[in-house]
Amino acid sequence: MNMSEKSSDFKSVQDVLKRAILLEMNGKEFFSMAAKTATSPVAREIFEHMVKEEEHHLHILQLTFRKHLDAGRVILPTEEELQFGFQDPIIDKSFLLELRNSAFDSSAISIALTLEEKAFKFYQKEEQAATDPEIKKLFTWLTDWELEHHRKLLALEEDFREEVWNDSNFWPT
């Protein structure tokens, strides 16, 4: 092996799932704190939605862990199990205006975006380093899952930035 290559530190599927569960628990705590301290009711709704998503992710990871213990191999969740039964909050001009008027709320979204980015990059790195096919399969799935969360927050941040730029008549050339 080339010295610049790094093998994954994860030696078992259970190790991977334990780490993923911990990351989701941390995300849930962050969004819960953000919801409690949000000054905008609409931002509070977004953060509460994110708490519910993280709780759903925790449930799915715990289910995946139990399936692995029972079967001795990775069994990814079914589409039905992955269904998230909560409606996405509506992001409209009034939400973006409220967000603009609250430094904490907009900062919390930026921090959340950074956390999600760190999660999917971590999973990508481990996926590339993994040699065990089951661990690689799990990291691929986790990467895709976190990328979807990241995309949602990125779209929100981009809408917010565009709203601020429109209101300020500022457009970089």
C-alpha atoms as a PDB file:
ATOM      1  CA  MET A   1       0.000   0.000   0.000  1.00  0.00           C
ATOM      2  CA  ASN A   2       1.186   3.485  -0.869  1.00  0.00           C
ATOM      3  CA  MET A   3       2.086   5.446   2.289  1.00  0.00           C
ATOM      4  CA  SER A   4      -0.140   8.346   1.172  1.00  0.00           C
ATOM      5  CA  GLU A   5      -3.146   6.018   1.097  1.00  0.00           C
ATOM      6  CA  LYS A   6      -4.994   5.572   4.350  1.00  0.00           C
ATOM      7  CA  SER A   7      -6.997   2.534   5.183  1.00  0.00           C
ATOM      8  CA  SER A   8     -10.241   2.925   7.035  1.00  0.00           C
ATOM      9  CA  ASP A   9     -10.016   2.890  10.819  1.00  0.00           C
ATOM     10  CA  PHE A  10     -13.338   1.075  10.874  1.00  0.00           C
ATOM     11  CA  LYS A  11     -12.862  -2.661  11.145  1.00  0.00           C
ATOM     12  CA  SER A  12     -16.512  -3.674  11.466  1.00  0.00           C
ATOM     13  CA  VAL A  13     -19.939  -2.673  10.255  1.00  0.00           C
ATOM     14  CA  GLN A  14     -20.942  -2.227  13.883  1.00  0.00           C
ATOM     15  CA  ASP A  15     -18.169   0.366  14.353  1.00  0.00           C
ATOM     16  CA  VAL A  16     -19.442   2.279  11.316  1.00  0.00           C
ATOM     17  CA  LEU A  17     -23.032   2.221  12.535  1.00  0.00           C
ATOM     18  CA  LYS A  18     -22.050   3.294  16.053  1.00  0.00           C
ATOM     19  CA  ARG A  19     -20.169   6.288  14.636  1.00  0.00           C
ATOM     20  CA  ALA A  20     -23.076   7.187  12.338  1.00  0.00           C
ATOM     21  CA  ILE A  21     -25.507   6.992  15.262  1.00  0.00           C
ATOM     22  CA  LEU A  22     -23.256   9.301  17.291  1.00  0.00           C
ATOM     23  CA  LEU A  23     -23.083  11.825  14.426  1.00  0.00           C
ATOM     24  CA  GLU A  24     -26.883  11.820  14.121  1.00  0.00           C
ATOM     25  CA  MET A  25     -27.271  12.282  17.879  1.00  0.00           C
ATOM     26  CA  ASN A  26     -24.923  15.287  17.726  1.00  0.00           C
ATOM     27  CA  GLY A  27     -26.880  16.740  14.793  1.00  0.00           C
ATOM     28  CA  LYS A  28     -30.155  16.269  16.640  1.00  0.00           C
ATOM     29  CA  GLU A  29     -28.772  18.072  19.697  1.00  0.00           C
ATOM     30  CA  PHE A  30     -27.504  20.954  17.564  1.00  0.00           C
ATOM     31  CA  PHE A  31     -30.844  21.396  15.773  1.00  0.00           C
ATOM     32  CA  SER A  32     -32.722  21.084  19.069  1.00  0.00           C
ATOM     33  CA  MET A  33     -30.588  23.855  20.578  1.00  0.00           C
ATOM     34  CA  ALA A  34     -31.075  25.980  17.451  1.00  0.00           C
ATOM     35  CA  ALA A  35     -34.863  25.474  17.610  1.00  0.00           C
ATOM     36  CA  LYS A  36     -34.976  26.515  21.284  1.00  0.00           C
ATOM     37  CA  THR A  37     -32.948  29.683  20.696  1.00  0.00           C
ATOM     38  CA  ALA A  38     -34.308  30.698  17.291  1.00  0.00           C
ATOM     39  CA  THR A  39     -35.811  34.175  17.343  1.00  0.00           C
ATOM     40  CA  SER A  40     -37.891  33.676  14.222  1.00  0.00           C
ATOM     41  CA  PRO A  41     -40.914  31.348  14.434  1.00  0.00           C
ATOM     42  CA  VAL A  42     -40.273  30.201  10.863  1.00  0.00           C
ATOM     43  CA  ALA A  43     -36.618  29.410  11.583  1.00  0.00           C
ATOM     44  CA  ARG A  44     -37.749  27.547  14.704  1.00  0.00           C
ATOM     45  CA  GLU A  45     -40.006  25.466  12.452  1.00  0.00           C
ATOM     46  CA  ILE A  46     -37.087  24.651  10.135  1.00  0.00           C
ATOM     47  CA  PHE A  47     -34.887  23.565  13.056  1.00  0.00           C
ATOM     48  CA  GLU A  48     -37.696  21.511  14.608  1.00  0.00           C
ATOM     49  CA  HIS A  49     -38.126  19.812  11.231  1.00  0.00           C
ATOM     50  CA  MET A  50     -34.398  19.056  11.169  1.00  0.00           C
ATOM     51  CA  VAL A  51     -34.675  17.542  14.688  1.00  0.00           C
ATOM     52  CA  LYS A  52     -37.407  15.231  13.390  1.00  0.00           C
ATOM     53  CA  GLU A  53     -35.235  14.285  10.406  1.00  0.00           C
ATOM     54  CA  GLU A  54     -32.314  13.479  12.697  1.00  0.00           C
ATOM     55  CA  GLU A  55     -34.619  11.401  14.930  1.00  0.00           C
ATOM     56  CA  HIS A  56     -35.761   9.523  11.829  1.00  0.00           C
ATOM     57  CA  HIS A  57     -32.133   8.984  10.792  1.00  0.00           C
ATOM     58  CA  LEU A  58     -31.367   7.636  14.278  1.00  0.00           C
ATOM     59  CA  HIS A  59     -34.289   5.229  14.028  1.00  0.00           C
ATOM     60  CA  ILE A  60     -33.129   4.007  10.603  1.00  0.00           C
ATOM     61  CA  LEU A  61     -29.547   3.540  11.802  1.00  0.00           C
ATOM     62  CA  GLN A  62     -30.680   1.642  14.895  1.00  0.00           C
ATOM     63  CA  LEU A  63     -32.881  -0.551  12.696  1.00  0.00           C
ATOM     64  CA  THR A  64     -29.933  -1.166  10.347  1.00  0.00           C
ATOM     65  CA  PHE A  65     -27.761  -2.049  13.350  1.00  0.00           C
ATOM     66  CA  ARG A  66     -30.330  -4.586  14.629  1.00  0.00           C
ATOM     67  CA  LYS A  67     -30.686  -6.115  11.151  1.00  0.00           C
ATOM     68  CA  HIS A  68     -26.915  -6.471  10.936  1.00  0.00           C
ATOM     69  CA  LEU A  69     -26.759  -8.181  14.326  1.00  0.00           C
ATOM     70  CA  ASP A  70     -29.524 -10.585  13.286  1.00  0.00           C
ATOM     71  CA  ALA A  71     -28.289 -11.343   9.749  1.00  0.00           C
ATOM     72  CA  GLY A  72     -24.538 -10.898  10.115  1.00  0.00           C
ATOM     73  CA  ARG A  73     -24.417  -8.694   7.010  1.00  0.00           C
ATOM     74  CA  VAL A  74     -25.442  -5.198   5.924  1.00  0.00           C
ATOM     75  CA  ILE A  75     -29.108  -4.962   5.053  1.00  0.00           C
ATOM     76  CA  LEU A  76     -29.858  -1.430   3.901  1.00  0.00           C
ATOM     77  CA  PRO A  77     -33.253   0.048   4.747  1.00  0.00           C
ATOM     78  CA  THR A  78     -36.110  -0.401   2.306  1.00  0.00           C
ATOM     79  CA  GLU A  79     -37.665   2.575   0.530  1.00  0.00           C
ATOM     80  CA  GLU A  80     -40.675   2.172   2.805  1.00  0.00           C
ATOM     81  CA  GLU A  81     -38.503   2.351   5.938  1.00  0.00           C
ATOM     82  CA  LEU A  82     -36.739   5.433   4.605  1.00  0.00           C
ATOM     83  CA  GLN A  83     -39.978   7.343   4.075  1.00  0.00           C
ATOM     84  CA  PHE A  84     -39.954  10.459   6.191  1.00  0.00           C
ATOM     85  CA  GLY A  85     -43.513  11.221   7.263  1.00  0.00           C
ATOM     86  CA  PHE A  86     -43.034  14.924   7.988  1.00  0.00           C
ATOM     87  CA  GLN A  87     -43.829  17.687   5.542  1.00  0.00           C
ATOM     88  CA  ASP A  88     -40.942  19.974   4.597  1.00  0.00           C
ATOM     89  CA  PRO A  89     -41.469  23.518   5.885  1.00  0.00           C
ATOM     90  CA  ILE A  90     -42.394  26.090   3.262  1.00  0.00           C
ATOM     91  CA  ILE A  91     -39.511  28.417   2.479  1.00  0.00           C
ATOM     92  CA  ASP A  92     -40.864  31.592   0.995  1.00  0.00           C
ATOM     93  CA  LYS A  93     -39.952  35.277   0.838  1.00  0.00           C
ATOM     94  CA  SER A  94     -41.364  35.996   4.313  1.00  0.00           C
ATOM     95  CA  PHE A  95     -39.241  33.200   5.812  1.00  0.00           C
ATOM     96  CA  LEU A  96     -36.110  34.552   4.124  1.00  0.00           C
ATOM     97  CA  LEU A  97     -36.911  38.067   5.368  1.00  0.00           C
ATOM     98  CA  GLU A  98     -37.311  36.794   8.944  1.00  0.00           C
ATOM     99  CA  LEU A  99     -34.079  34.857   8.611  1.00  0.00           C
ATOM    100  CA  ARG A 100     -32.275  37.972   7.406  1.00  0.00           C
ATOM    101  CA  ASN A 101     -33.393  39.860  10.487  1.00  0.00           C
ATOM    102  CA  SER A 102     -31.988  37.231  12.827  1.00  0.00           C
ATOM    103  CA  ALA A 103     -28.224  36.841  12.903  1.00  0.00           C
ATOM    104  CA  PHE A 104     -28.435  33.716  15.069  1.00  0.00           C
ATOM    105  CA  ASP A 105     -30.897  31.921  12.803  1.00  0.00           C
ATOM    106  CA  SER A 106     -28.899  32.540   9.639  1.00  0.00           C
ATOM    107  CA  SER A 107     -25.664  31.612  11.423  1.00  0.00           C
ATOM    108  CA  ALA A 108     -27.223  28.387  12.707  1.00  0.00           C
ATOM    109  CA  ILE A 109     -28.134  27.403   9.149  1.00  0.00           C
ATOM    110  CA  SER A 110     -24.548  28.067   8.057  1.00  0.00           C
ATOM    111  CA  ILE A 111     -23.223  25.985  10.946  1.00  0.00           C
ATOM    112  CA  ALA A 112     -25.674  23.179  10.156  1.00  0.00           C
ATOM    113  CA  LEU A 113     -24.512  23.255   6.538  1.00  0.00           C
ATOM    114  CA  THR A 114     -20.902  22.933   7.691  1.00  0.00           C
ATOM    115  CA  LEU A 115     -21.781  19.998   9.967  1.00  0.00           C
ATOM    116  CA  GLU A 116     -23.596  18.176   7.163  1.00  0.00           C
ATOM    117  CA  GLU A 117     -20.682  18.803   4.808  1.00  0.00           C
ATOM    118  CA  LYS A 118     -18.231  17.411   7.345  1.00  0.00           C
ATOM    119  CA  ALA A 119     -20.419  14.323   7.765  1.00  0.00           C
ATOM    120  CA  PHE A 120     -20.686  13.479   4.083  1.00  0.00           C
ATOM    121  CA  LYS A 121     -16.995  14.194   3.454  1.00  0.00           C
ATOM    122  CA  PHE A 122     -16.065  11.959   6.380  1.00  0.00           C
ATOM    123  CA  TYR A 123     -18.236   9.167   4.985  1.00  0.00           C
ATOM    124  CA  GLN A 124     -16.798   9.669   1.475  1.00  0.00           C
ATOM    125  CA  LYS A 125     -13.238   9.448   2.786  1.00  0.00           C
ATOM    126  CA  GLU A 126     -13.992   6.303   4.741  1.00  0.00           C
ATOM    127  CA  GLU A 127     -15.841   4.799   1.780  1.00  0.00           C
ATOM    128  CA  GLN A 128     -12.758   5.269  -0.401  1.00  0.00           C
ATOM    129  CA  ALA A 129     -10.464   3.816   2.258  1.00  0.00           C
ATOM    130  CA  ALA A 130     -12.650   0.816   3.113  1.00  0.00           C
ATOM    131  CA  THR A 131     -11.527  -2.563   1.835  1.00  0.00           C
ATOM    132  CA  ASP A 132     -14.350  -4.640   3.314  1.00  0.00           C
ATOM    133  CA  PRO A 133     -17.223  -4.658   0.743  1.00  0.00           C
ATOM    134  CA  GLU A 134     -19.889  -4.519   3.471  1.00  0.00           C
ATOM    135  CA  ILE A 135     -18.279  -1.495   5.127  1.00  0.00           C
ATOM    136  CA  LYS A 136     -17.822   0.186   1.741  1.00  0.00           C
ATOM    137  CA  LYS A 137     -21.514  -0.447   0.925  1.00  0.00           C
ATOM    138  CA  LEU A 138     -22.558   1.117   4.232  1.00  0.00           C
ATOM    139  CA  PHE A 139     -20.355   4.188   3.770  1.00  0.00           C
ATOM    140  CA  THR A 140     -21.688   4.673   0.217  1.00  0.00           C
ATOM    141  CA  TRP A 141     -25.226   4.670   1.543  1.00  0.00           C
ATOM    142  CA  LEU A 142     -24.371   7.020   4.437  1.00  0.00           C
ATOM    143  CA  THR A 143     -22.624   9.425   2.041  1.00  0.00           C
ATOM    144  CA  ASP A 144     -25.669   9.604  -0.220  1.00  0.00           C
ATOM    145  CA  TRP A 145     -27.957  10.081   2.753  1.00  0.00           C
ATOM    146  CA  GLU A 146     -25.959  12.976   4.202  1.00  0.00           C
ATOM    147  CA  LEU A 147     -25.554  14.557   0.767  1.00  0.00           C
ATOM    148  CA  GLU A 148     -29.346  14.842   0.546  1.00  0.00           C
ATOM    149  CA  HIS A 149     -29.448  16.677   3.890  1.00  0.00           C
ATOM    150  CA  HIS A 150     -26.610  18.919   2.714  1.00  0.00           C
ATOM    151  CA  ARG A 151     -28.431  19.723  -0.548  1.00  0.00           C
ATOM    152  CA  LYS A 152     -31.538  20.862   1.358  1.00  0.00           C
ATOM    153  CA  LEU A 153     -29.567  23.181   3.612  1.00  0.00           C
ATOM    154  CA  LEU A 154     -27.459  24.464   0.714  1.00  0.00           C
ATOM    155  CA  ALA A 155     -30.609  25.373  -1.230  1.00  0.00           C
ATOM    156  CA  LEU A 156     -31.914  27.223   1.826  1.00  0.00           C
ATOM    157  CA  GLU A 157     -28.636  29.110   2.243  1.00  0.00           C
ATOM    158  CA  GLU A 158     -28.539  30.005  -1.466  1.00  0.00           C
ATOM    159  CA  ASP A 159     -32.131  31.292  -1.365  1.00  0.00           C
ATOM    160  CA  PHE A 160     -31.237  33.366   1.692  1.00  0.00           C
ATOM    161  CA  ARG A 161     -28.106  34.806   0.070  1.00  0.00           C
ATOM    162  CA  GLU A 162     -30.014  35.671  -3.117  1.00  0.00           C
ATOM    163  CA  GLU A 163     -32.723  37.408  -1.084  1.00  0.00           C
ATOM    164  CA  VAL A 164     -30.139  39.480   0.798  1.00  0.00           C
ATOM    165  CA  TRP A 165     -28.359  40.389  -2.447  1.00  0.00           C
ATOM    166  CA  ASN A 166     -31.631  41.359  -4.135  1.00  0.00           C
ATOM    167  CA  ASP A 167     -32.655  43.553  -1.231  1.00  0.00           C
ATOM    168  CA  SER A 168     -29.224  45.205  -1.142  1.00  0.00           C
ATOM    169  CA  ASN A 169     -28.987  45.597  -4.917  1.00  0.00           C
ATOM    170  CA  PHE A 170     -25.672  43.781  -4.677  1.00  0.00           C
ATOM    171  CA  TRP A 171     -24.560  41.376  -7.338  1.00  0.00           C
ATOM    172  CA  PRO A 172     -20.933  40.404  -7.754  1.00  0.00           C
ATOM    173  CA  THR A 173     -19.601  40.868 -11.249  1.00  0.00           C
END
